[in-house]
Amino acid sequence: LPQVYQVPVLFADRRHADSLIGRVGHGFVHDGLAHAEVVQALLAAGE
């Protein structure tokens, strides 16, 4: 059965332990909903 999820992500060159999803190459992928800049961008969506 298919399930659909939203996962806003933050890309960073340093590790945030409280929101880390994983490392890719020399960068880190984080849960974006733990970070204000990602949430604010979602609320300003449209363009």
ModelCIF file with pLDDT and N, C-alpha, C, O atoms, coordinates in Angstrom:
data_MODEL
#
_entry.id   MODEL 
#
_entity.id                         1 
_entity.type                       polymer 
_entity.pdbx_number_of_molecules   1 
#
_entity_poly.entity_id                      1 
_entity_poly.type                           'polypeptide(L)' 
_entity_poly.nstd_linkage                   no 
_entity_poly.nstd_monomer                   no 
_entity_poly.pdbx_seq_one_letter_code       LPQVYQVPVLFADRRHADSLIGRVGHGFVHDGLAHAEVVQALLAAGE 
_entity_poly.pdbx_seq_one_letter_code_can   LPQVYQVPVLFADRRHADSLIGRVGHGFVHDGLAHAEVVQALLAAGE 
_entity_poly.pdbx_strand_id                 A 
#
loop_
_entity_poly_seq.entity_id 
_entity_poly_seq.num 
_entity_poly_seq.mon_id 
_entity_poly_seq.hetero 
1 1  LEU n 
1 2  PRO n 
1 3  GLN n 
1 4  VAL n 
1 5  TYR n 
1 6  GLN n 
1 7  VAL n 
1 8  PRO n 
1 9  VAL n 
1 10 LEU n 
1 11 PHE n 
1 12 ALA n 
1 13 ASP n 
1 14 ARG n 
1 15 ARG n 
1 16 HIS n 
1 17 ALA n 
1 18 ASP n 
1 19 SER n 
1 20 LEU n 
1 21 ILE n 
1 22 GLY n 
1 23 ARG n 
1 24 VAL n 
1 25 GLY n 
1 26 HIS n 
1 27 GLY n 
1 28 PHE n 
1 29 VAL n 
1 30 HIS n 
1 31 ASP n 
1 32 GLY n 
1 33 LEU n 
1 34 ALA n 
1 35 HIS n 
1 36 ALA n 
1 37 GLU n 
1 38 VAL n 
1 39 VAL n 
1 40 GLN n 
1 41 ALA n 
1 42 LEU n 
1 43 LEU n 
1 44 ALA n 
1 45 ALA n 
1 46 GLY n 
1 47 GLU n 
#
_struct_asym.id          A 
_struct_asym.entity_id   1 
#
loop_
_ma_qa_metric.id 
_ma_qa_metric.mode 
_ma_qa_metric.name 
_ma_qa_metric.software_group_id 
_ma_qa_metric.type 
1 global pLDDT . pLDDT 
2 local  pLDDT . pLDDT 
#
_ma_qa_metric_global.metric_id      1 
_ma_qa_metric_global.metric_value   92.64 
_ma_qa_metric_global.model_id       1 
_ma_qa_metric_global.ordinal_id     1 
#
loop_
_ma_qa_metric_local.label_asym_id 
_ma_qa_metric_local.label_comp_id 
_ma_qa_metric_local.label_seq_id 
_ma_qa_metric_local.metric_id 
_ma_qa_metric_local.metric_value 
_ma_qa_metric_local.model_id 
_ma_qa_metric_local.ordinal_id 
A LEU 1  2 91.00 1 1  
A PRO 2  2 93.00 1 2  
A GLN 3  2 96.00 1 3  
A VAL 4  2 97.00 1 4  
A TYR 5  2 97.00 1 5  
A GLN 6  2 97.00 1 6  
A VAL 7  2 97.00 1 7  
A PRO 8  2 97.00 1 8  
A VAL 9  2 97.00 1 9  
A LEU 10 2 97.00 1 10 
A PHE 11 2 96.00 1 11 
A ALA 12 2 95.00 1 12 
A ASP 13 2 94.00 1 13 
A ARG 14 2 94.00 1 14 
A ARG 15 2 95.00 1 15 
A HIS 16 2 94.00 1 16 
A ALA 17 2 93.00 1 17 
A ASP 18 2 92.00 1 18 
A SER 19 2 96.00 1 19 
A LEU 20 2 97.00 1 20 
A ILE 21 2 98.00 1 21 
A GLY 22 2 97.00 1 22 
A ARG 23 2 95.00 1 23 
A VAL 24 2 94.00 1 24 
A GLY 25 2 89.00 1 25 
A HIS 26 2 89.00 1 26 
A GLY 27 2 94.00 1 27 
A PHE 28 2 97.00 1 28 
A VAL 29 2 97.00 1 29 
A HIS 30 2 98.00 1 30 
A ASP 31 2 97.00 1 31 
A GLY 32 2 97.00 1 32 
A LEU 33 2 97.00 1 33 
A ALA 34 2 96.00 1 34 
A HIS 35 2 96.00 1 35 
A ALA 36 2 95.00 1 36 
A GLU 37 2 95.00 1 37 
A VAL 38 2 95.00 1 38 
A VAL 39 2 95.00 1 39 
A GLN 40 2 94.00 1 40 
A ALA 41 2 93.00 1 41 
A LEU 42 2 93.00 1 42 
A LEU 43 2 92.00 1 43 
A ALA 44 2 88.00 1 44 
A ALA 45 2 75.00 1 45 
A GLY 46 2 61.00 1 46 
A GLU 47 2 42.00 1 47 
#
loop_
_atom_site.group_PDB 
_atom_site.id 
_atom_site.type_symbol 
_atom_site.label_atom_id 
_atom_site.label_alt_id 
_atom_site.label_comp_id 
_atom_site.label_asym_id 
_atom_site.label_entity_id 
_atom_site.label_seq_id 
_atom_site.pdbx_PDB_ins_code 
_atom_site.Cartn_x 
_atom_site.Cartn_y 
_atom_site.Cartn_z 
_atom_site.occupancy 
_atom_site.B_iso_or_equiv 
_atom_site.pdbx_formal_charge 
_atom_site.auth_seq_id 
_atom_site.auth_comp_id 
_atom_site.auth_asym_id 
_atom_site.auth_atom_id 
_atom_site.pdbx_PDB_model_num 
ATOM 1   N N  . LEU A 1 1  ? 0.840  -1.202 0.000  1.00 91.00 ? 1  LEU A N  1 
ATOM 2   C CA . LEU A 1 1  ? 0.000  0.000  0.000  1.00 91.00 ? 1  LEU A CA 1 
ATOM 3   C C  . LEU A 1 1  ? 0.872  1.248  0.000  1.00 91.00 ? 1  LEU A C  1 
ATOM 4   O O  . LEU A 1 1  ? 1.766  1.367  0.839  1.00 91.00 ? 1  LEU A O  1 
ATOM 5   N N  . PRO A 1 2  ? 0.634  2.194  -0.932 1.00 93.00 ? 2  PRO A N  1 
ATOM 6   C CA . PRO A 1 2  ? 1.462  3.403  -0.985 1.00 93.00 ? 2  PRO A CA 1 
ATOM 7   C C  . PRO A 1 2  ? 1.139  4.364  0.152  1.00 93.00 ? 2  PRO A C  1 
ATOM 8   O O  . PRO A 1 2  ? -0.021 4.527  0.528  1.00 93.00 ? 2  PRO A O  1 
ATOM 9   N N  . GLN A 1 3  ? 2.166  4.992  0.691  1.00 96.00 ? 3  GLN A N  1 
ATOM 10  C CA . GLN A 1 3  ? 2.025  6.049  1.689  1.00 96.00 ? 3  GLN A CA 1 
ATOM 11  C C  . GLN A 1 3  ? 2.861  7.234  1.240  1.00 96.00 ? 3  GLN A C  1 
ATOM 12  O O  . GLN A 1 3  ? 3.964  7.064  0.722  1.00 96.00 ? 3  GLN A O  1 
ATOM 13  N N  . VAL A 1 4  ? 2.329  8.441  1.441  1.00 97.00 ? 4  VAL A N  1 
ATOM 14  C CA . VAL A 1 4  ? 2.983  9.663  0.990  1.00 97.00 ? 4  VAL A CA 1 
ATOM 15  C C  . VAL A 1 4  ? 3.325  10.523 2.205  1.00 97.00 ? 4  VAL A C  1 
ATOM 16  O O  . VAL A 1 4  ? 2.480  10.736 3.075  1.00 97.00 ? 4  VAL A O  1 
ATOM 17  N N  . TYR A 1 5  ? 4.552  11.013 2.265  1.00 97.00 ? 5  TYR A N  1 
ATOM 18  C CA . TYR A 1 5  ? 5.034  11.820 3.394  1.00 97.00 ? 5  TYR A CA 1 
ATOM 19  C C  . TYR A 1 5  ? 5.698  13.093 2.889  1.00 97.00 ? 5  TYR A C  1 
ATOM 20  O O  . TYR A 1 5  ? 6.277  13.128 1.803  1.00 97.00 ? 5  TYR A O  1 
ATOM 21  N N  . GLN A 1 6  ? 5.598  14.141 3.709  1.00 97.00 ? 6  GLN A N  1 
ATOM 22  C CA . GLN A 1 6  ? 6.384  15.345 3.430  1.00 97.00 ? 6  GLN A CA 1 
ATOM 23  C C  . GLN A 1 6  ? 7.556  15.408 4.393  1.00 97.00 ? 6  GLN A C  1 
ATOM 24  O O  . GLN A 1 6  ? 7.409  15.189 5.595  1.00 97.00 ? 6  GLN A O  1 
ATOM 25  N N  . VAL A 1 7  ? 8.721  15.711 3.840  1.00 97.00 ? 7  VAL A N  1 
ATOM 26  C CA . VAL A 1 7  ? 9.945  15.852 4.631  1.00 97.00 ? 7  VAL A CA 1 
ATOM 27  C C  . VAL A 1 7  ? 10.701 17.083 4.137  1.00 97.00 ? 7  VAL A C  1 
ATOM 28  O O  . VAL A 1 7  ? 11.612 16.953 3.319  1.00 97.00 ? 7  VAL A O  1 
ATOM 29  N N  . PRO A 1 8  ? 10.343 18.269 4.613  1.00 97.00 ? 8  PRO A N  1 
ATOM 30  C CA . PRO A 1 8  ? 11.167 19.438 4.274  1.00 97.00 ? 8  PRO A CA 1 
ATOM 31  C C  . PRO A 1 8  ? 12.579 19.226 4.824  1.00 97.00 ? 8  PRO A C  1 
ATOM 32  O O  . PRO A 1 8  ? 12.739 18.769 5.956  1.00 97.00 ? 8  PRO A O  1 
ATOM 33  N N  . VAL A 1 9  ? 13.591 19.551 4.043  1.00 97.00 ? 9  VAL A N  1 
ATOM 34  C CA . VAL A 1 9  ? 14.966 19.297 4.466  1.00 97.00 ? 9  VAL A CA 1 
ATOM 35  C C  . VAL A 1 9  ? 15.793 20.575 4.436  1.00 97.00 ? 9  VAL A C  1 
ATOM 36  O O  . VAL A 1 9  ? 15.535 21.493 3.658  1.00 97.00 ? 9  VAL A O  1 
ATOM 37  N N  . LEU A 1 10 ? 16.784 20.601 5.300  1.00 97.00 ? 10 LEU A N  1 
ATOM 38  C CA . LEU A 1 10 ? 17.792 21.654 5.333  1.00 97.00 ? 10 LEU A CA 1 
ATOM 39  C C  . LEU A 1 10 ? 19.125 21.039 4.946  1.00 97.00 ? 10 LEU A C  1 
ATOM 40  O O  . LEU A 1 10 ? 19.508 19.995 5.474  1.00 97.00 ? 10 LEU A O  1 
ATOM 41  N N  . PHE A 1 11 ? 19.834 21.682 4.025  1.00 96.00 ? 11 PHE A N  1 
ATOM 42  C CA . PHE A 1 11 ? 21.175 21.257 3.653  1.00 96.00 ? 11 PHE A CA 1 
ATOM 43  C C  . PHE A 1 11 ? 22.181 22.146 4.390  1.00 96.00 ? 11 PHE A C  1 
ATOM 44  O O  . PHE A 1 11 ? 22.014 23.364 4.449  1.00 96.00 ? 11 PHE A O  1 
ATOM 45  N N  . ALA A 1 12 ? 23.208 21.538 4.942  1.00 95.00 ? 12 ALA A N  1 
ATOM 46  C CA . ALA A 1 12 ? 24.204 22.313 5.690  1.00 95.00 ? 12 ALA A CA 1 
ATOM 47  C C  . ALA A 1 12 ? 25.563 21.645 5.571  1.00 95.00 ? 12 ALA A C  1 
ATOM 48  O O  . ALA A 1 12 ? 25.664 20.446 5.309  1.00 95.00 ? 12 ALA A O  1 
ATOM 49  N N  . ASP A 1 13 ? 26.610 22.443 5.769  1.00 94.00 ? 13 ASP A N  1 
ATOM 50  C CA . ASP A 1 13 ? 27.956 21.886 5.728  1.00 94.00 ? 13 ASP A CA 1 
ATOM 51  C C  . ASP A 1 13 ? 28.448 21.483 7.109  1.00 94.00 ? 13 ASP A C  1 
ATOM 52  O O  . ASP A 1 13 ? 29.591 21.054 7.265  1.00 94.00 ? 13 ASP A O  1 
ATOM 53  N N  . ARG A 1 14 ? 27.585 21.620 8.113  1.00 94.00 ? 14 ARG A N  1 
ATOM 54  C CA . ARG A 1 14 ? 27.920 21.131 9.450  1.00 94.00 ? 14 ARG A CA 1 
ATOM 55  C C  . ARG A 1 14 ? 26.745 20.358 10.024 1.00 94.00 ? 14 ARG A C  1 
ATOM 56  O O  . ARG A 1 14 ? 25.610 20.488 9.567  1.00 94.00 ? 14 ARG A O  1 
ATOM 57  N N  . ARG A 1 15 ? 27.035 19.567 11.015 1.00 95.00 ? 15 ARG A N  1 
ATOM 58  C CA . ARG A 1 15 ? 26.064 18.641 11.590 1.00 95.00 ? 15 ARG A CA 1 
ATOM 59  C C  . ARG A 1 15 ? 25.288 19.289 12.729 1.00 95.00 ? 15 ARG A C  1 
ATOM 60  O O  . ARG A 1 15 ? 25.880 19.835 13.660 1.00 95.00 ? 15 ARG A O  1 
ATOM 61  N N  . HIS A 1 16 ? 23.941 19.227 12.650 1.00 94.00 ? 16 HIS A N  1 
ATOM 62  C CA . HIS A 1 16 ? 23.079 19.636 13.752 1.00 94.00 ? 16 HIS A CA 1 
ATOM 63  C C  . HIS A 1 16 ? 22.509 18.364 14.371 1.00 94.00 ? 16 HIS A C  1 
ATOM 64  O O  . HIS A 1 16 ? 21.630 17.727 13.789 1.00 94.00 ? 16 HIS A O  1 
ATOM 65  N N  . ALA A 1 17 ? 23.002 17.999 15.535 1.00 93.00 ? 17 ALA A N  1 
ATOM 66  C CA . ALA A 1 17 ? 22.685 16.693 16.104 1.00 93.00 ? 17 ALA A CA 1 
ATOM 67  C C  . ALA A 1 17 ? 21.193 16.488 16.347 1.00 93.00 ? 17 ALA A C  1 
ATOM 68  O O  . ALA A 1 17 ? 20.689 15.373 16.217 1.00 93.00 ? 17 ALA A O  1 
ATOM 69  N N  . ASP A 1 18 ? 20.480 17.571 16.704 1.00 92.00 ? 18 ASP A N  1 
ATOM 70  C CA . ASP A 1 18 ? 19.078 17.420 17.069 1.00 92.00 ? 18 ASP A CA 1 
ATOM 71  C C  . ASP A 1 18 ? 18.148 17.268 15.870 1.00 92.00 ? 18 ASP A C  1 
ATOM 72  O O  . ASP A 1 18 ? 16.964 16.984 16.048 1.00 92.00 ? 18 ASP A O  1 
ATOM 73  N N  . SER A 1 19 ? 18.658 17.452 14.652 1.00 96.00 ? 19 SER A N  1 
ATOM 74  C CA . SER A 1 19 ? 17.792 17.365 13.469 1.00 96.00 ? 19 SER A CA 1 
ATOM 75  C C  . SER A 1 19 ? 18.411 16.579 12.320 1.00 96.00 ? 19 SER A C  1 
ATOM 76  O O  . SER A 1 19 ? 17.900 16.604 11.201 1.00 96.00 ? 19 SER A O  1 
ATOM 77  N N  . LEU A 1 20 ? 19.500 15.890 12.593 1.00 97.00 ? 20 LEU A N  1 
ATOM 78  C CA . LEU A 1 20 ? 20.241 15.220 11.529 1.00 97.00 ? 20 LEU A CA 1 
ATOM 79  C C  . LEU A 1 20 ? 19.444 14.062 10.919 1.00 97.00 ? 20 LEU A C  1 
ATOM 80  O O  . LEU A 1 20 ? 18.906 13.218 11.636 1.00 97.00 ? 20 LEU A O  1 
ATOM 81  N N  . ILE A 1 21 ? 19.381 14.038 9.599  1.00 98.00 ? 21 ILE A N  1 
ATOM 82  C CA . ILE A 1 21 ? 18.820 12.902 8.873  1.00 98.00 ? 21 ILE A CA 1 
ATOM 83  C C  . ILE A 1 21 ? 19.938 12.003 8.366  1.00 98.00 ? 21 ILE A C  1 
ATOM 84  O O  . ILE A 1 21 ? 19.877 10.784 8.531  1.00 98.00 ? 21 ILE A O  1 
ATOM 85  N N  . GLY A 1 22 ? 20.955 12.590 7.753  1.00 97.00 ? 22 GLY A N  1 
ATOM 86  C CA . GLY A 1 22 ? 22.065 11.786 7.266  1.00 97.00 ? 22 GLY A CA 1 
ATOM 87  C C  . GLY A 1 22 ? 23.120 12.634 6.587  1.00 97.00 ? 22 GLY A C  1 
ATOM 88  O O  . GLY A 1 22 ? 22.942 13.832 6.370  1.00 97.00 ? 22 GLY A O  1 
ATOM 89  N N  . ARG A 1 23 ? 24.204 11.994 6.263  1.00 95.00 ? 23 ARG A N  1 
ATOM 90  C CA . ARG A 1 23 ? 25.320 12.663 5.588  1.00 95.00 ? 23 ARG A CA 1 
ATOM 91  C C  . ARG A 1 23 ? 25.399 12.186 4.149  1.00 95.00 ? 23 ARG A C  1 
ATOM 92  O O  . ARG A 1 23 ? 25.255 10.998 3.860  1.00 95.00 ? 23 ARG A O  1 
ATOM 93  N N  . VAL A 1 24 ? 25.630 13.140 3.247  1.00 94.00 ? 24 VAL A N  1 
ATOM 94  C CA . VAL A 1 24 ? 25.826 12.820 1.834  1.00 94.00 ? 24 VAL A CA 1 
ATOM 95  C C  . VAL A 1 24 ? 27.085 13.541 1.380  1.00 94.00 ? 24 VAL A C  1 
ATOM 96  O O  . VAL A 1 24 ? 27.120 14.771 1.336  1.00 94.00 ? 24 VAL A O  1 
ATOM 97  N N  . GLY A 1 25 ? 28.116 12.780 1.045  1.00 89.00 ? 25 GLY A N  1 
ATOM 98  C CA . GLY A 1 25 ? 29.374 13.402 0.656  1.00 89.00 ? 25 GLY A CA 1 
ATOM 99  C C  . GLY A 1 25 ? 29.942 14.220 1.791  1.00 89.00 ? 25 GLY A C  1 
ATOM 100 O O  . GLY A 1 25 ? 30.126 13.712 2.897  1.00 89.00 ? 25 GLY A O  1 
ATOM 101 N N  . HIS A 1 26 ? 30.226 15.506 1.523  1.00 89.00 ? 26 HIS A N  1 
ATOM 102 C CA . HIS A 1 26 ? 30.781 16.385 2.554  1.00 89.00 ? 26 HIS A CA 1 
ATOM 103 C C  . HIS A 1 26 ? 29.713 17.234 3.226  1.00 89.00 ? 26 HIS A C  1 
ATOM 104 O O  . HIS A 1 26 ? 30.040 18.116 4.019  1.00 89.00 ? 26 HIS A O  1 
ATOM 105 N N  . GLY A 1 27 ? 28.446 16.984 2.925  1.00 94.00 ? 27 GLY A N  1 
ATOM 106 C CA . GLY A 1 27 ? 27.372 17.783 3.503  1.00 94.00 ? 27 GLY A CA 1 
ATOM 107 C C  . GLY A 1 27 ? 26.412 16.949 4.333  1.00 94.00 ? 27 GLY A C  1 
ATOM 108 O O  . GLY A 1 27 ? 26.495 15.722 4.371  1.00 94.00 ? 27 GLY A O  1 
ATOM 109 N N  . PHE A 1 28 ? 25.501 17.645 4.995  1.00 97.00 ? 28 PHE A N  1 
ATOM 110 C CA . PHE A 1 28 ? 24.548 16.997 5.890  1.00 97.00 ? 28 PHE A CA 1 
ATOM 111 C C  . PHE A 1 28 ? 23.124 17.384 5.502  1.00 97.00 ? 28 PHE A C  1 
ATOM 112 O O  . PHE A 1 28 ? 22.856 18.515 5.096  1.00 97.00 ? 28 PHE A O  1 
ATOM 113 N N  . VAL A 1 29 ? 22.223 16.422 5.636  1.00 97.00 ? 29 VAL A N  1 
ATOM 114 C CA . VAL A 1 29 ? 20.800 16.632 5.394  1.00 97.00 ? 29 VAL A CA 1 
ATOM 115 C C  . VAL A 1 29 ? 20.086 16.595 6.738  1.00 97.00 ? 29 VAL A C  1 
ATOM 116 O O  . VAL A 1 29 ? 20.262 15.656 7.514  1.00 97.00 ? 29 VAL A O  1 
ATOM 117 N N  . HIS A 1 30 ? 19.271 17.630 7.014  1.00 98.00 ? 30 HIS A N  1 
ATOM 118 C CA . HIS A 1 30 ? 18.577 17.740 8.290  1.00 98.00 ? 30 HIS A CA 1 
ATOM 119 C C  . HIS A 1 30 ? 17.075 17.867 8.087  1.00 98.00 ? 30 HIS A C  1 
ATOM 120 O O  . HIS A 1 30 ? 16.605 18.235 7.011  1.00 98.00 ? 30 HIS A O  1 
ATOM 121 N N  . ASP A 1 31 ? 16.331 17.555 9.145  1.00 97.00 ? 31 ASP A N  1 
ATOM 122 C CA . ASP A 1 31 ? 14.886 17.774 9.139  1.00 97.00 ? 31 ASP A CA 1 
ATOM 123 C C  . ASP A 1 31 ? 14.642 19.276 9.134  1.00 97.00 ? 31 ASP A C  1 
ATOM 124 O O  . ASP A 1 31 ? 14.961 19.967 10.102 1.00 97.00 ? 31 ASP A O  1 
ATOM 125 N N  . GLY A 1 32 ? 14.075 19.779 8.040  1.00 97.00 ? 32 GLY A N  1 
ATOM 126 C CA . GLY A 1 32 ? 13.891 21.218 7.903  1.00 97.00 ? 32 GLY A CA 1 
ATOM 127 C C  . GLY A 1 32 ? 12.912 21.814 8.897  1.00 97.00 ? 32 GLY A C  1 
ATOM 128 O O  . GLY A 1 32 ? 12.994 23.005 9.197  1.00 97.00 ? 32 GLY A O  1 
ATOM 129 N N  . LEU A 1 33 ? 11.985 21.014 9.419  1.00 97.00 ? 33 LEU A N  1 
ATOM 130 C CA . LEU A 1 33 ? 10.981 21.561 10.328 1.00 97.00 ? 33 LEU A CA 1 
ATOM 131 C C  . LEU A 1 33 ? 11.557 21.903 11.695 1.00 97.00 ? 33 LEU A C  1 
ATOM 132 O O  . LEU A 1 33 ? 10.859 22.470 12.536 1.00 97.00 ? 33 LEU A O  1 
ATOM 133 N N  . ALA A 1 34 ? 12.819 21.565 11.927 1.00 96.00 ? 34 ALA A N  1 
ATOM 134 C CA . ALA A 1 34 ? 13.496 21.979 13.153 1.00 96.00 ? 34 ALA A CA 1 
ATOM 135 C C  . ALA A 1 34 ? 14.204 23.318 12.990 1.00 96.00 ? 34 ALA A C  1 
ATOM 136 O O  . ALA A 1 34 ? 14.818 23.814 13.935 1.00 96.00 ? 34 ALA A O  1 
ATOM 137 N N  . HIS A 1 35 ? 14.120 23.910 11.790 1.00 96.00 ? 35 HIS A N  1 
ATOM 138 C CA . HIS A 1 35 ? 14.885 25.115 11.492 1.00 96.00 ? 35 HIS A CA 1 
ATOM 139 C C  . HIS A 1 35 ? 13.979 26.226 10.982 1.00 96.00 ? 35 HIS A C  1 
ATOM 140 O O  . HIS A 1 35 ? 13.200 26.033 10.049 1.00 96.00 ? 35 HIS A O  1 
ATOM 141 N N  . ALA A 1 36 ? 14.094 27.390 11.610 1.00 95.00 ? 36 ALA A N  1 
ATOM 142 C CA . ALA A 1 36 ? 13.198 28.513 11.333 1.00 95.00 ? 36 ALA A CA 1 
ATOM 143 C C  . ALA A 1 36 ? 13.231 28.949 9.879  1.00 95.00 ? 36 ALA A C  1 
ATOM 144 O O  . ALA A 1 36 ? 12.187 29.285 9.321  1.00 95.00 ? 36 ALA A O  1 
ATOM 145 N N  . GLU A 1 37 ? 14.409 28.955 9.245  1.00 95.00 ? 37 GLU A N  1 
ATOM 146 C CA . GLU A 1 37 ? 14.494 29.473 7.886  1.00 95.00 ? 37 GLU A CA 1 
ATOM 147 C C  . GLU A 1 37 ? 13.701 28.616 6.901  1.00 95.00 ? 37 GLU A C  1 
ATOM 148 O O  . GLU A 1 37 ? 13.153 29.137 5.930  1.00 95.00 ? 37 GLU A O  1 
ATOM 149 N N  . VAL A 1 38 ? 13.638 27.319 7.142  1.00 95.00 ? 38 VAL A N  1 
ATOM 150 C CA . VAL A 1 38 ? 12.872 26.437 6.261  1.00 95.00 ? 38 VAL A CA 1 
ATOM 151 C C  . VAL A 1 38 ? 11.377 26.624 6.495  1.00 95.00 ? 38 VAL A C  1 
ATOM 152 O O  . VAL A 1 38 ? 10.604 26.718 5.541  1.00 95.00 ? 38 VAL A O  1 
ATOM 153 N N  . VAL A 1 39 ? 10.969 26.678 7.756  1.00 95.00 ? 39 VAL A N  1 
ATOM 154 C CA . VAL A 1 39 ? 9.554  26.858 8.076  1.00 95.00 ? 39 VAL A CA 1 
ATOM 155 C C  . VAL A 1 39 ? 9.056  28.208 7.559  1.00 95.00 ? 39 VAL A C  1 
ATOM 156 O O  . VAL A 1 39 ? 7.965  28.288 6.994  1.00 95.00 ? 39 VAL A O  1 
ATOM 157 N N  . GLN A 1 40 ? 9.839  29.258 7.747  1.00 94.00 ? 40 GLN A N  1 
ATOM 158 C CA . GLN A 1 40 ? 9.445  30.574 7.247  1.00 94.00 ? 40 GLN A CA 1 
ATOM 159 C C  . GLN A 1 40 ? 9.308  30.564 5.724  1.00 94.00 ? 40 GLN A C  1 
ATOM 160 O O  . GLN A 1 40 ? 8.407  31.202 5.178  1.00 94.00 ? 40 GLN A O  1 
ATOM 161 N N  . ALA A 1 41 ? 10.200 29.841 5.037  1.00 93.00 ? 41 ALA A N  1 
ATOM 162 C CA . ALA A 1 41 ? 10.107 29.755 3.584  1.00 93.00 ? 41 ALA A CA 1 
ATOM 163 C C  . ALA A 1 41 ? 8.838  29.023 3.152  1.00 93.00 ? 41 ALA A C  1 
ATOM 164 O O  . ALA A 1 41 ? 8.225  29.384 2.148  1.00 93.00 ? 41 ALA A O  1 
ATOM 165 N N  . LEU A 1 42 ? 8.446  28.007 3.899  1.00 93.00 ? 42 LEU A N  1 
ATOM 166 C CA . LEU A 1 42 ? 7.206  27.301 3.585  1.00 93.00 ? 42 LEU A CA 1 
ATOM 167 C C  . LEU A 1 42 ? 5.991  28.204 3.770  1.00 93.00 ? 42 LEU A C  1 
ATOM 168 O O  . LEU A 1 42 ? 5.047  28.146 2.983  1.00 93.00 ? 42 LEU A O  1 
ATOM 169 N N  . LEU A 1 43 ? 6.012  29.033 4.801  1.00 92.00 ? 43 LEU A N  1 
ATOM 170 C CA . LEU A 1 43 ? 4.886  29.936 5.048  1.00 92.00 ? 43 LEU A CA 1 
ATOM 171 C C  . LEU A 1 43 ? 4.848  31.087 4.049  1.00 92.00 ? 43 LEU A C  1 
ATOM 172 O O  . LEU A 1 43 ? 3.814  31.732 3.873  1.00 92.00 ? 43 LEU A O  1 
ATOM 173 N N  . ALA A 1 44 ? 5.972  31.339 3.401  1.00 88.00 ? 44 ALA A N  1 
ATOM 174 C CA . ALA A 1 44 ? 6.020  32.388 2.379  1.00 88.00 ? 44 ALA A CA 1 
ATOM 175 C C  . ALA A 1 44 ? 5.879  31.800 0.985  1.00 88.00 ? 44 ALA A C  1 
ATOM 176 O O  . ALA A 1 44 ? 6.238  32.447 0.000  1.00 88.00 ? 44 ALA A O  1 
ATOM 177 N N  . ALA A 1 45 ? 5.359  30.576 0.890  1.00 75.00 ? 45 ALA A N  1 
ATOM 178 C CA . ALA A 1 45 ? 5.329  29.846 -0.379 1.00 75.00 ? 45 ALA A CA 1 
ATOM 179 C C  . ALA A 1 45 ? 4.408  30.506 -1.385 1.00 75.00 ? 45 ALA A C  1 
ATOM 180 O O  . ALA A 1 45 ? 3.528  31.293 -1.038 1.00 75.00 ? 45 ALA A O  1 
ATOM 181 N N  . GLY A 1 46 ? 4.637  30.164 -2.637 1.00 61.00 ? 46 GLY A N  1 
ATOM 182 C CA . GLY A 1 46 ? 3.731  30.629 -3.671 1.00 61.00 ? 46 GLY A CA 1 
ATOM 183 C C  . GLY A 1 46 ? 4.382  30.905 -5.001 1.00 61.00 ? 46 GLY A C  1 
ATOM 184 O O  . GLY A 1 46 ? 3.709  30.894 -6.032 1.00 61.00 ? 46 GLY A O  1 
ATOM 185 N N  . GLU A 1 47 ? 5.700  31.158 -5.006 1.00 42.00 ? 47 GLU A N  1 
ATOM 186 C CA . GLU A 1 47 ? 6.347  31.533 -6.265 1.00 42.00 ? 47 GLU A CA 1 
ATOM 187 C C  . GLU A 1 47 ? 7.559  30.658 -6.588 1.00 42.00 ? 47 GLU A C  1 
ATOM 188 O O  . GLU A 1 47 ? 8.206  30.855 -7.617 1.00 42.00 ? 47 GLU A O  1 
#
